[in-house]
Amino acid sequence: MRTALLQSSGRPGSIVENLEVLDAAAGRAAAAGAALLTAPEMFLTGYAIGDDIGRLAEPADGACADAIAETATRHGIAIAYGYPERDGESVHNSAQLISADGTRLANYRKTHLFGRFEREHFTPGEQPVVQAELNGLTVGLMICYDVEFPENVRAHALAGTDLLVVPTAQMHPFQFVAESLVPVRAWENQMYIAYVNRVGQEGEFEFVGLSVLVGPDGVARARAGRAEELVFADADPAFLAASREANPYLQDRRPRLYGSLV
């Protein structure tokens, strides 16, 4: 499945402009043959926007979800994007996957909040594995810091995730996550991982870009630089099956020895 990674911080604080950026990227991605476009963490509103997070948050089935569903349908491409989700009095750092026919396939709430900023503005999610079927692949959702916890990604592997989509707001000086950790996660769990970052200065944060799609062999199929960019790579089910056959990590596990982990 050809996958497009939109490395961009959009226009922080402006939902209207971010919807326009997403629409333009969806058109370019679809024209290049992509079946899935993935945008970064909190792409809909911006990340470092302080109390505007709560003001701009909306439900998973809100007006912006409808607008993105219309974009997906018009261009014939599935879209995954990050946004602040309003649920009653709670606001979650969420990611939603919408199909090419406008169906809301999956919604994930970030389970591991990073730093004081996120803990002040968000309520953590409680469901670590959220999946949907898309073009013959089982697609899982996760957000940024979540992928740094090996238990999280292993749970996806055991649940059958083929492509793990990770909208991200990865900042300096943690670029080693994109460069080194994500390829290891893909290898040790035998899956594709699409890690899609923001880029540039935003408030107190400097986002490092380096978005990457890594295969189950730990090799990057596409990697962005440090500027706004749309990059493409394929998640190949046949290669994935062959890799899983050759790499016995998951079959050789001995779960009864791991009780002390929990």
C-alpha atoms as a PDB file:
ATOM      1  CA  MET A   1       0.000   0.000   0.000  1.00  0.00           C
ATOM      2  CA  ARG A   2       1.556   3.246  -1.129  1.00  0.00           C
ATOM      3  CA  THR A   3       1.677   5.604   1.842  1.00  0.00           C
ATOM      4  CA  ALA A   4       2.301   9.355   1.889  1.00  0.00           C
ATOM      5  CA  LEU A   5       3.881  11.040   4.899  1.00  0.00           C
ATOM      6  CA  LEU A   6       3.067  14.728   5.286  1.00  0.00           C
ATOM      7  CA  GLN A   7       5.911  16.320   7.253  1.00  0.00           C
ATOM      8  CA  SER A   8       4.497  19.696   8.185  1.00  0.00           C
ATOM      9  CA  SER A   9       3.430  21.742  11.182  1.00  0.00           C
ATOM     10  CA  GLY A  10       0.710  23.330   9.100  1.00  0.00           C
ATOM     11  CA  ARG A  11      -0.436  26.693  10.403  1.00  0.00           C
ATOM     12  CA  PRO A  12      -0.627  26.487  14.229  1.00  0.00           C
ATOM     13  CA  GLY A  13      -3.844  27.953  15.577  1.00  0.00           C
ATOM     14  CA  SER A  14      -5.706  27.961  12.248  1.00  0.00           C
ATOM     15  CA  ILE A  15      -7.937  24.961  11.600  1.00  0.00           C
ATOM     16  CA  VAL A  16      -9.133  26.455   8.310  1.00  0.00           C
ATOM     17  CA  GLU A  17      -5.604  26.771   6.929  1.00  0.00           C
ATOM     18  CA  ASN A  18      -4.614  23.323   8.181  1.00  0.00           C
ATOM     19  CA  LEU A  19      -7.607  21.775   6.431  1.00  0.00           C
ATOM     20  CA  GLU A  20      -6.449  23.528   3.255  1.00  0.00           C
ATOM     21  CA  VAL A  21      -2.892  22.185   3.672  1.00  0.00           C
ATOM     22  CA  LEU A  22      -4.273  18.690   4.238  1.00  0.00           C
ATOM     23  CA  ASP A  23      -6.541  18.953   1.197  1.00  0.00           C
ATOM     24  CA  ALA A  24      -3.636  20.014  -1.048  1.00  0.00           C
ATOM     25  CA  ALA A  25      -1.465  17.192   0.279  1.00  0.00           C
ATOM     26  CA  ALA A  26      -4.262  14.671  -0.249  1.00  0.00           C
ATOM     27  CA  GLY A  27      -4.534  15.757  -3.872  1.00  0.00           C
ATOM     28  CA  ARG A  28      -0.791  15.407  -4.434  1.00  0.00           C
ATOM     29  CA  ALA A  29      -0.661  12.064  -2.644  1.00  0.00           C
ATOM     30  CA  ALA A  30      -3.590  10.608  -4.552  1.00  0.00           C
ATOM     31  CA  ALA A  31      -2.098  11.773  -7.855  1.00  0.00           C
ATOM     32  CA  ALA A  32       1.091   9.901  -6.925  1.00  0.00           C
ATOM     33  CA  GLY A  33      -0.862   6.702  -6.338  1.00  0.00           C
ATOM     34  CA  ALA A  34      -0.957   6.727  -2.540  1.00  0.00           C
ATOM     35  CA  ALA A  35      -3.808   4.965  -0.759  1.00  0.00           C
ATOM     36  CA  LEU A  36      -3.071   6.549   2.630  1.00  0.00           C
ATOM     37  CA  LEU A  37      -1.973  10.032   3.685  1.00  0.00           C
ATOM     38  CA  THR A  38      -0.688  10.473   7.232  1.00  0.00           C
ATOM     39  CA  ALA A  39      -0.313  13.850   8.947  1.00  0.00           C
ATOM     40  CA  PRO A  40       1.522  14.603  12.213  1.00  0.00           C
ATOM     41  CA  GLU A  41       0.384  14.803  15.830  1.00  0.00           C
ATOM     42  CA  MET A  42      -2.064  17.642  16.518  1.00  0.00           C
ATOM     43  CA  PHE A  43      -1.943  18.642  12.859  1.00  0.00           C
ATOM     44  CA  LEU A  44      -5.500  19.945  12.804  1.00  0.00           C
ATOM     45  CA  THR A  45      -4.873  22.756  15.290  1.00  0.00           C
ATOM     46  CA  GLY A  46      -1.154  22.971  15.962  1.00  0.00           C
ATOM     47  CA  TYR A  47       0.690  21.575  18.972  1.00  0.00           C
ATOM     48  CA  ALA A  48       2.209  24.478  20.922  1.00  0.00           C
ATOM     49  CA  ILE A  49      -0.946  26.576  21.124  1.00  0.00           C
ATOM     50  CA  GLY A  50      -1.466  26.578  24.901  1.00  0.00           C
ATOM     51  CA  ASP A  51      -5.016  27.013  26.134  1.00  0.00           C
ATOM     52  CA  ASP A  52      -6.278  27.164  22.562  1.00  0.00           C
ATOM     53  CA  ILE A  53      -6.033  23.376  22.649  1.00  0.00           C
ATOM     54  CA  GLY A  54      -9.145  23.212  24.796  1.00  0.00           C
ATOM     55  CA  ARG A  55     -10.912  25.929  22.818  1.00  0.00           C
ATOM     56  CA  LEU A  56     -10.295  24.245  19.458  1.00  0.00           C
ATOM     57  CA  ALA A  57     -10.882  20.648  20.572  1.00  0.00           C
ATOM     58  CA  GLU A  58     -13.892  18.882  19.101  1.00  0.00           C
ATOM     59  CA  PRO A  59     -15.494  15.425  19.213  1.00  0.00           C
ATOM     60  CA  ALA A  60     -14.264  12.585  16.995  1.00  0.00           C
ATOM     61  CA  ASP A  61     -17.402  13.004  14.883  1.00  0.00           C
ATOM     62  CA  GLY A  62     -17.251  16.793  14.787  1.00  0.00           C
ATOM     63  CA  ALA A  63     -17.269  19.269  11.916  1.00  0.00           C
ATOM     64  CA  CYS A  64     -13.559  18.855  11.161  1.00  0.00           C
ATOM     65  CA  ALA A  65     -13.883  15.086  10.920  1.00  0.00           C
ATOM     66  CA  ASP A  66     -16.692  15.676   8.416  1.00  0.00           C
ATOM     67  CA  ALA A  67     -14.511  18.093   6.446  1.00  0.00           C
ATOM     68  CA  ILE A  68     -11.625  15.607   6.326  1.00  0.00           C
ATOM     69  CA  ALA A  69     -14.007  12.821   5.314  1.00  0.00           C
ATOM     70  CA  GLU A  70     -15.123  15.005   2.407  1.00  0.00           C
ATOM     71  CA  THR A  71     -11.472  15.598   1.446  1.00  0.00           C
ATOM     72  CA  ALA A  72     -10.746  11.865   1.614  1.00  0.00           C
ATOM     73  CA  THR A  73     -13.764  11.043  -0.546  1.00  0.00           C
ATOM     74  CA  ARG A  74     -13.073  13.749  -3.107  1.00  0.00           C
ATOM     75  CA  HIS A  75      -9.470  12.638  -3.610  1.00  0.00           C
ATOM     76  CA  GLY A  76     -10.087   8.919  -3.100  1.00  0.00           C
ATOM     77  CA  ILE A  77      -7.469   8.497  -0.362  1.00  0.00           C
ATOM     78  CA  ALA A  78      -7.561   7.426   3.290  1.00  0.00           C
ATOM     79  CA  ILE A  79      -6.314  10.044   5.775  1.00  0.00           C
ATOM     80  CA  ALA A  80      -4.849   9.696   9.274  1.00  0.00           C
ATOM     81  CA  TYR A  81      -4.365  12.900  11.253  1.00  0.00           C
ATOM     82  CA  GLY A  82      -3.730  14.156  14.764  1.00  0.00           C
ATOM     83  CA  TYR A  83      -6.122  16.490  16.607  1.00  0.00           C
ATOM     84  CA  PRO A  84      -7.358  17.465  20.100  1.00  0.00           C
ATOM     85  CA  GLU A  85     -10.461  15.420  20.857  1.00  0.00           C
ATOM     86  CA  ARG A  86     -13.171  16.805  23.131  1.00  0.00           C
ATOM     87  CA  ASP A  87     -15.062  14.210  25.196  1.00  0.00           C
ATOM     88  CA  GLY A  88     -17.176  15.940  27.811  1.00  0.00           C
ATOM     89  CA  GLU A  89     -14.823  17.786  30.146  1.00  0.00           C
ATOM     90  CA  SER A  90     -11.796  15.825  28.930  1.00  0.00           C
ATOM     91  CA  VAL A  91      -9.479  16.652  26.046  1.00  0.00           C
ATOM     92  CA  HIS A  92      -7.410  13.872  24.502  1.00  0.00           C
ATOM     93  CA  ASN A  93      -4.405  14.012  22.191  1.00  0.00           C
ATOM     94  CA  SER A  94      -5.943  11.845  19.485  1.00  0.00           C
ATOM     95  CA  ALA A  95      -5.419  10.451  15.995  1.00  0.00           C
ATOM     96  CA  GLN A  96      -8.184   9.444  13.627  1.00  0.00           C
ATOM     97  CA  LEU A  97      -8.170   7.308  10.487  1.00  0.00           C
ATOM     98  CA  ILE A  98     -10.773   8.018   7.810  1.00  0.00           C
ATOM     99  CA  SER A  99     -11.184   5.799   4.755  1.00  0.00           C
ATOM    100  CA  ALA A 100     -11.233   6.849   1.113  1.00  0.00           C
ATOM    101  CA  ASP A 101     -15.042   6.647   1.160  1.00  0.00           C
ATOM    102  CA  GLY A 102     -15.267   8.957   4.189  1.00  0.00           C
ATOM    103  CA  THR A 103     -15.887   6.293   6.844  1.00  0.00           C
ATOM    104  CA  ARG A 104     -14.326   6.933  10.254  1.00  0.00           C
ATOM    105  CA  LEU A 105     -12.380   3.693  10.717  1.00  0.00           C
ATOM    106  CA  ALA A 106     -10.517   4.215  13.978  1.00  0.00           C
ATOM    107  CA  ASN A 107      -9.847   6.797  16.683  1.00  0.00           C
ATOM    108  CA  TYR A 108      -6.935   6.537  19.125  1.00  0.00           C
ATOM    109  CA  ARG A 109      -6.171   8.538  22.267  1.00  0.00           C
ATOM    110  CA  LYS A 110      -2.504   8.952  23.236  1.00  0.00           C
ATOM    111  CA  THR A 111      -1.811   6.727  26.225  1.00  0.00           C
ATOM    112  CA  HIS A 112       1.585   8.078  27.327  1.00  0.00           C
ATOM    113  CA  LEU A 113       1.693  11.856  27.723  1.00  0.00           C
ATOM    114  CA  PHE A 114       5.075  13.534  27.348  1.00  0.00           C
ATOM    115  CA  GLY A 115       6.215  16.264  29.703  1.00  0.00           C
ATOM    116  CA  ARG A 116       4.496  18.985  31.668  1.00  0.00           C
ATOM    117  CA  PHE A 117       2.899  20.595  28.609  1.00  0.00           C
ATOM    118  CA  GLU A 118       0.912  17.508  27.623  1.00  0.00           C
ATOM    119  CA  ARG A 119       0.003  16.535  31.173  1.00  0.00           C
ATOM    120  CA  GLU A 120      -1.452  20.010  31.723  1.00  0.00           C
ATOM    121  CA  HIS A 121      -3.625  19.942  28.605  1.00  0.00           C
ATOM    122  CA  PHE A 122      -4.636  16.325  27.977  1.00  0.00           C
ATOM    123  CA  THR A 123      -6.217  13.300  29.601  1.00  0.00           C
ATOM    124  CA  PRO A 124      -4.382  10.072  28.686  1.00  0.00           C
ATOM    125  CA  GLY A 125      -6.183   7.362  26.763  1.00  0.00           C
ATOM    126  CA  GLU A 126      -6.656   3.868  28.174  1.00  0.00           C
ATOM    127  CA  GLN A 127      -6.813   1.688  25.041  1.00  0.00           C
ATOM    128  CA  PRO A 128      -3.319   0.804  23.777  1.00  0.00           C
ATOM    129  CA  VAL A 129      -4.300  -1.104  20.640  1.00  0.00           C
ATOM    130  CA  VAL A 130      -6.612   0.535  18.111  1.00  0.00           C
ATOM    131  CA  GLN A 131      -6.734  -0.980  14.607  1.00  0.00           C
ATOM    132  CA  ALA A 132      -8.616  -0.920  11.319  1.00  0.00           C
ATOM    133  CA  GLU A 133      -8.462  -2.851   8.065  1.00  0.00           C
ATOM    134  CA  LEU A 134      -7.299  -0.836   5.076  1.00  0.00           C
ATOM    135  CA  ASN A 135      -6.385  -2.107   1.612  1.00  0.00           C
ATOM    136  CA  GLY A 136      -5.573  -5.587   2.843  1.00  0.00           C
ATOM    137  CA  LEU A 137      -3.441  -4.440   5.784  1.00  0.00           C
ATOM    138  CA  THR A 138      -4.220  -4.192   9.475  1.00  0.00           C
ATOM    139  CA  VAL A 139      -3.377  -0.596  10.346  1.00  0.00           C
ATOM    140  CA  GLY A 140      -2.720   0.404  13.946  1.00  0.00           C
ATOM    141  CA  LEU A 141      -2.619   3.892  15.450  1.00  0.00           C
ATOM    142  CA  MET A 142      -0.230   5.283  18.036  1.00  0.00           C
ATOM    143  CA  ILE A 143       1.053   8.790  18.826  1.00  0.00           C
ATOM    144  CA  CYS A 144       4.678   9.945  19.257  1.00  0.00           C
ATOM    145  CA  TYR A 145       5.894   9.103  22.800  1.00  0.00           C
ATOM    146  CA  ASP A 146       3.790   5.902  22.791  1.00  0.00           C
ATOM    147  CA  VAL A 147       6.163   4.227  20.321  1.00  0.00           C
ATOM    148  CA  GLU A 148       9.060   4.642  22.763  1.00  0.00           C
ATOM    149  CA  PHE A 149       7.479   2.082  25.104  1.00  0.00           C
ATOM    150  CA  PRO A 150       8.309  -1.404  23.780  1.00  0.00           C
ATOM    151  CA  GLU A 151       5.277  -2.933  25.469  1.00  0.00           C
ATOM    152  CA  ASN A 152       2.969  -0.724  23.404  1.00  0.00           C
ATOM    153  CA  VAL A 153       4.401  -1.761  20.061  1.00  0.00           C
ATOM    154  CA  ARG A 154       4.653  -5.417  21.048  1.00  0.00           C
ATOM    155  CA  ALA A 155       0.961  -5.362  21.950  1.00  0.00           C
ATOM    156  CA  HIS A 156       0.253  -4.209  18.399  1.00  0.00           C
ATOM    157  CA  ALA A 157       2.463  -6.943  16.968  1.00  0.00           C
ATOM    158  CA  LEU A 158       0.640  -9.617  18.964  1.00  0.00           C
ATOM    159  CA  ALA A 159      -2.694  -8.171  17.823  1.00  0.00           C
ATOM    160  CA  GLY A 160      -1.645  -8.498  14.175  1.00  0.00           C
ATOM    161  CA  THR A 161      -0.846  -4.905  13.206  1.00  0.00           C
ATOM    162  CA  ASP A 162       0.884  -4.783   9.803  1.00  0.00           C
ATOM    163  CA  LEU A 163       1.385  -1.025   9.482  1.00  0.00           C
ATOM    164  CA  LEU A 164       1.684   1.107  12.604  1.00  0.00           C
ATOM    165  CA  VAL A 165       0.863   4.753  11.879  1.00  0.00           C
ATOM    166  CA  VAL A 166       2.463   7.140  14.369  1.00  0.00           C
ATOM    167  CA  PRO A 167       1.597  10.855  14.067  1.00  0.00           C
ATOM    168  CA  THR A 168       4.382  12.618  15.932  1.00  0.00           C
ATOM    169  CA  ALA A 169       5.557  15.905  17.441  1.00  0.00           C
ATOM    170  CA  GLN A 170       9.185  14.872  17.993  1.00  0.00           C
ATOM    171  CA  MET A 171      11.401  17.702  19.183  1.00  0.00           C
ATOM    172  CA  HIS A 172      15.088  18.481  19.635  1.00  0.00           C
ATOM    173  CA  PRO A 173      17.170  16.832  21.144  1.00  0.00           C
ATOM    174  CA  PHE A 174      15.327  13.525  20.712  1.00  0.00           C
ATOM    175  CA  GLN A 175      15.941  12.962  16.992  1.00  0.00           C
ATOM    176  CA  PHE A 176      17.551   9.609  17.789  1.00  0.00           C
ATOM    177  CA  VAL A 177      14.005   8.250  18.121  1.00  0.00           C
ATOM    178  CA  ALA A 178      13.342   8.746  14.402  1.00  0.00           C
ATOM    179  CA  GLU A 179      16.868   7.797  13.407  1.00  0.00           C
ATOM    180  CA  SER A 180      17.468   4.722  15.571  1.00  0.00           C
ATOM    181  CA  LEU A 181      14.582   3.660  17.812  1.00  0.00           C
ATOM    182  CA  VAL A 182      11.795   3.453  15.235  1.00  0.00           C
ATOM    183  CA  PRO A 183      13.770   1.120  12.897  1.00  0.00           C
ATOM    184  CA  VAL A 184      14.445  -1.178  15.867  1.00  0.00           C
ATOM    185  CA  ARG A 185      10.754  -1.206  16.813  1.00  0.00           C
ATOM    186  CA  ALA A 186       9.825  -2.198  13.252  1.00  0.00           C
ATOM    187  CA  TRP A 187      12.430  -4.988  13.206  1.00  0.00           C
ATOM    188  CA  GLU A 188      11.756  -6.484  16.625  1.00  0.00           C
ATOM    189  CA  ASN A 189       7.981  -6.474  16.032  1.00  0.00           C
ATOM    190  CA  GLN A 190       7.977  -7.386  12.333  1.00  0.00           C
ATOM    191  CA  MET A 191       5.795  -4.591  11.017  1.00  0.00           C
ATOM    192  CA  TYR A 192       5.934  -1.428   8.964  1.00  0.00           C
ATOM    193  CA  ILE A 193       5.998   1.816  10.938  1.00  0.00           C
ATOM    194  CA  ALA A 194       5.078   5.215   9.491  1.00  0.00           C
ATOM    195  CA  TYR A 195       6.455   7.858  11.867  1.00  0.00           C
ATOM    196  CA  VAL A 196       5.256  11.284  10.716  1.00  0.00           C
ATOM    197  CA  ASN A 197       6.660  14.371  12.395  1.00  0.00           C
ATOM    198  CA  ARG A 198       6.106  18.088  12.678  1.00  0.00           C
ATOM    199  CA  VAL A 199       8.953  20.369  11.614  1.00  0.00           C
ATOM    200  CA  GLY A 200      10.447  23.727  12.587  1.00  0.00           C
ATOM    201  CA  GLN A 201      10.079  26.089  15.534  1.00  0.00           C
ATOM    202  CA  GLU A 202       6.719  26.244  17.270  1.00  0.00           C
ATOM    203  CA  GLY A 203       6.451  28.066  20.561  1.00  0.00           C
ATOM    204  CA  GLU A 204       9.048  26.651  22.941  1.00  0.00           C
ATOM    205  CA  PHE A 205       9.593  23.555  20.803  1.00  0.00           C
ATOM    206  CA  GLU A 206      11.835  22.847  17.822  1.00  0.00           C
ATOM    207  CA  PHE A 207      10.438  19.924  15.851  1.00  0.00           C
ATOM    208  CA  VAL A 208      13.097  17.919  14.046  1.00  0.00           C
ATOM    209  CA  GLY A 209      11.283  16.411  11.044  1.00  0.00           C
ATOM    210  CA  LEU A 210      13.022  13.180   9.921  1.00  0.00           C
ATOM    211  CA  SER A 211       9.687  11.465   9.219  1.00  0.00           C
ATOM    212  CA  VAL A 212      10.250   7.895   8.145  1.00  0.00           C
ATOM    213  CA  LEU A 213       8.509   4.764   6.916  1.00  0.00           C
ATOM    214  CA  VAL A 214      10.465   1.703   8.035  1.00  0.00           C
ATOM    215  CA  GLY A 215       9.994  -1.890   6.924  1.00  0.00           C
ATOM    216  CA  PRO A 216      10.060  -5.059   9.045  1.00  0.00           C
ATOM    217  CA  ASP A 217      13.714  -5.481   8.077  1.00  0.00           C
ATOM    218  CA  GLY A 218      14.539  -2.235   9.919  1.00  0.00           C
ATOM    219  CA  VAL A 219      15.344  -0.436   6.673  1.00  0.00           C
ATOM    220  CA  ALA A 220      13.877   2.990   5.925  1.00  0.00           C
ATOM    221  CA  ARG A 221      11.808   2.958   2.734  1.00  0.00           C
ATOM    222  CA  ALA A 222      11.569   6.759   2.781  1.00  0.00           C
ATOM    223  CA  ARG A 223      12.939   9.417   5.096  1.00  0.00           C
ATOM    224  CA  ALA A 224      12.279  13.151   5.099  1.00  0.00           C
ATOM    225  CA  GLY A 225      14.798  15.833   5.987  1.00  0.00           C
ATOM    226  CA  ARG A 226      14.358  18.873   8.252  1.00  0.00           C
ATOM    227  CA  ALA A 227      11.940  20.892   6.075  1.00  0.00           C
ATOM    228  CA  GLU A 228       8.282  20.588   5.063  1.00  0.00           C
ATOM    229  CA  GLU A 229       8.018  17.639   2.731  1.00  0.00           C
ATOM    230  CA  LEU A 230       5.681  14.970   1.356  1.00  0.00           C
ATOM    231  CA  VAL A 231       7.422  11.611   1.036  1.00  0.00           C
ATOM    232  CA  PHE A 232       6.152   8.261  -0.248  1.00  0.00           C
ATOM    233  CA  ALA A 233       6.875   4.605   0.441  1.00  0.00           C
ATOM    234  CA  ASP A 234       5.158   1.244   0.061  1.00  0.00           C
ATOM    235  CA  ALA A 235       4.005  -1.168   2.754  1.00  0.00           C
ATOM    236  CA  ASP A 236       4.212  -4.485   0.894  1.00  0.00           C
ATOM    237  CA  PRO A 237       2.136  -7.364   2.344  1.00  0.00           C
ATOM    238  CA  ALA A 238       4.174 -10.005   0.471  1.00  0.00           C
ATOM    239  CA  PHE A 239       7.487  -8.690   1.818  1.00  0.00           C
ATOM    240  CA  LEU A 240       5.969  -8.477   5.296  1.00  0.00           C
ATOM    241  CA  ALA A 241       4.841 -12.117   5.173  1.00  0.00           C
ATOM    242  CA  ALA A 242       8.272 -13.260   3.995  1.00  0.00           C
ATOM    243  CA  SER A 243      10.018 -11.229   6.680  1.00  0.00           C
ATOM    244  CA  ARG A 244       7.821 -12.669   9.406  1.00  0.00           C
ATOM    245  CA  GLU A 245       8.551 -16.156   8.143  1.00  0.00           C
ATOM    246  CA  ALA A 246      12.303 -15.520   8.248  1.00  0.00           C
ATOM    247  CA  ASN A 247      12.413 -13.676  11.592  1.00  0.00           C
ATOM    248  CA  PRO A 248      11.147 -15.850  14.484  1.00  0.00           C
ATOM    249  CA  TYR A 249      11.056 -13.193  17.230  1.00  0.00           C
ATOM    250  CA  LEU A 250       7.330 -13.407  17.828  1.00  0.00           C
ATOM    251  CA  GLN A 251       7.182 -17.205  17.616  1.00  0.00           C
ATOM    252  CA  ASP A 252      10.176 -17.637  19.946  1.00  0.00           C
ATOM    253  CA  ARG A 253       8.745 -15.562  22.773  1.00  0.00           C
ATOM    254  CA  ARG A 254       8.326 -17.255  26.180  1.00  0.00           C
ATOM    255  CA  PRO A 255       5.498 -15.237  27.781  1.00  0.00           C
ATOM    256  CA  ARG A 256       5.515 -17.188  31.054  1.00  0.00           C
ATOM    257  CA  LEU A 257       8.949 -15.713  31.795  1.00  0.00           C
ATOM    258  CA  TYR A 258       7.757 -12.131  31.444  1.00  0.00           C
ATOM    259  CA  GLY A 259       5.327 -11.881  34.347  1.00  0.00           C
ATOM    260  CA  SER A 260       7.638  -9.561  36.287  1.00  0.00           C
ATOM    261  CA  LEU A 261       7.209  -6.926  33.547  1.00  0.00           C
ATOM    262  CA  VAL A 262       3.725  -6.178  34.832  1.00  0.00           C
END
